[in-house]
Amino acid sequence: MHSHSQRTNSAVVSTTERTSKLILHWADHLKGHEDELDQLMQSAHLPNEQLKDQLGVAKSKMQEATLLLLTVAEALSGSALSE
């Protein structure tokens, strides 16, 4: 464990940083699965166009989620620095 020499806001900052890192981890996680989803979309035998469209929507929502997670993580790391 690290020492608590900077007692001022270190607890707040470390919690914020932990949260930020966790969010970044999830953003990476989702990004990693995007490629798999691409491959799935190319190789999947989907009986109709509607299902293909839905898979496409799922993928774009995953990309949106990734961007939102990154935005939140950035805002968090910014607030951790400014405190």
Protein backbone atom coordinates (compact mmCIF):
# COMPACT_ATOMS: atom_id res chain seq x y z
CA MET A 1 0.00 0.00 0.00
CA HIS A 2 1.15 3.56 -0.63
CA SER A 3 1.64 5.95 2.26
CA HIS A 4 -0.95 8.63 2.95
CA SER A 5 1.50 11.51 3.08
CA GLN A 6 -0.63 13.86 0.98
CA ARG A 7 -3.71 13.56 3.16
CA THR A 8 -5.57 16.55 1.64
CA ASN A 9 -7.49 15.21 -1.33
CA SER A 10 -5.56 12.01 -1.97
CA ALA A 11 -8.52 9.83 -0.97
CA VAL A 12 -10.83 11.67 -3.35
CA VAL A 13 -8.29 11.69 -6.16
CA SER A 14 -7.41 8.02 -5.84
CA THR A 15 -11.09 7.08 -5.87
CA THR A 16 -11.65 9.28 -8.93
CA GLU A 17 -8.60 7.83 -10.65
CA ARG A 18 -9.70 4.31 -9.84
CA THR A 19 -13.12 5.04 -11.33
CA SER A 20 -11.52 6.64 -14.36
CA LYS A 21 -9.24 3.63 -14.90
CA LEU A 22 -12.18 1.26 -14.52
CA ILE A 23 -14.18 3.21 -17.11
CA LEU A 24 -11.20 3.21 -19.49
CA HIS A 25 -10.88 -0.53 -18.98
CA TRP A 26 -14.50 -0.97 -20.08
CA ALA A 27 -14.02 1.33 -23.06
CA ASP A 28 -11.04 -0.82 -24.12
CA HIS A 29 -13.08 -3.94 -23.48
CA LEU A 30 -15.90 -2.75 -25.76
CA LYS A 31 -13.44 -1.62 -28.42
CA GLY A 32 -11.80 -5.03 -28.36
CA HIS A 33 -15.16 -6.65 -29.04
CA GLU A 34 -15.95 -4.33 -31.97
CA ASP A 35 -13.56 -6.27 -34.21
CA GLU A 36 -15.13 -9.55 -33.16
CA LEU A 37 -18.55 -8.10 -33.92
CA ASP A 38 -17.29 -7.01 -37.36
CA GLN A 39 -16.12 -10.54 -38.08
CA LEU A 40 -19.41 -11.92 -36.81
CA MET A 41 -21.35 -9.56 -39.07
CA GLN A 42 -19.33 -10.68 -42.09
CA SER A 43 -19.48 -14.40 -41.35
CA ALA A 44 -22.89 -14.74 -39.72
CA HIS A 45 -25.62 -16.48 -41.69
CA LEU A 46 -28.50 -14.18 -40.91
CA PRO A 47 -31.82 -15.18 -42.47
CA ASN A 48 -32.94 -11.61 -43.24
CA GLU A 49 -31.87 -8.00 -43.67
CA GLN A 50 -33.71 -6.85 -40.54
CA LEU A 51 -31.43 -8.98 -38.37
CA LYS A 52 -28.37 -7.64 -40.20
CA ASP A 53 -29.61 -4.10 -39.58
CA GLN A 54 -30.18 -4.83 -35.89
CA LEU A 55 -26.64 -6.19 -35.59
CA GLY A 56 -25.40 -3.01 -37.26
CA VAL A 57 -27.37 -0.89 -34.79
CA ALA A 58 -25.95 -2.92 -31.88
CA LYS A 59 -22.45 -2.24 -33.19
CA SER A 60 -22.99 1.51 -33.55
CA LYS A 61 -24.49 1.65 -30.06
CA MET A 62 -21.39 -0.13 -28.76
CA GLN A 63 -19.24 2.50 -30.47
CA GLU A 64 -21.39 5.26 -28.92
CA ALA A 65 -21.02 3.61 -25.52
CA THR A 66 -17.23 3.46 -25.98
CA LEU A 67 -17.10 7.17 -26.81
CA LEU A 68 -19.32 8.05 -23.84
CA LEU A 69 -17.13 6.01 -21.50
CA LEU A 70 -14.03 7.79 -22.81
CA THR A 71 -15.71 11.18 -22.36
CA VAL A 72 -16.64 10.37 -18.76
CA ALA A 73 -13.15 9.04 -18.01
CA GLU A 74 -11.57 12.20 -19.46
CA ALA A 75 -13.84 14.42 -17.41
CA LEU A 76 -12.99 12.40 -14.30
CA SER A 77 -9.25 12.55 -14.81
CA GLY A 78 -9.60 16.28 -15.45
CA SER A 79 -11.47 16.76 -12.18
CA ALA A 80 -8.94 14.61 -10.34
CA LEU A 81 -6.13 16.88 -11.55
CA SER A 82 -7.90 20.13 -10.75
CA GLU A 83 -8.70 19.18 -7.14
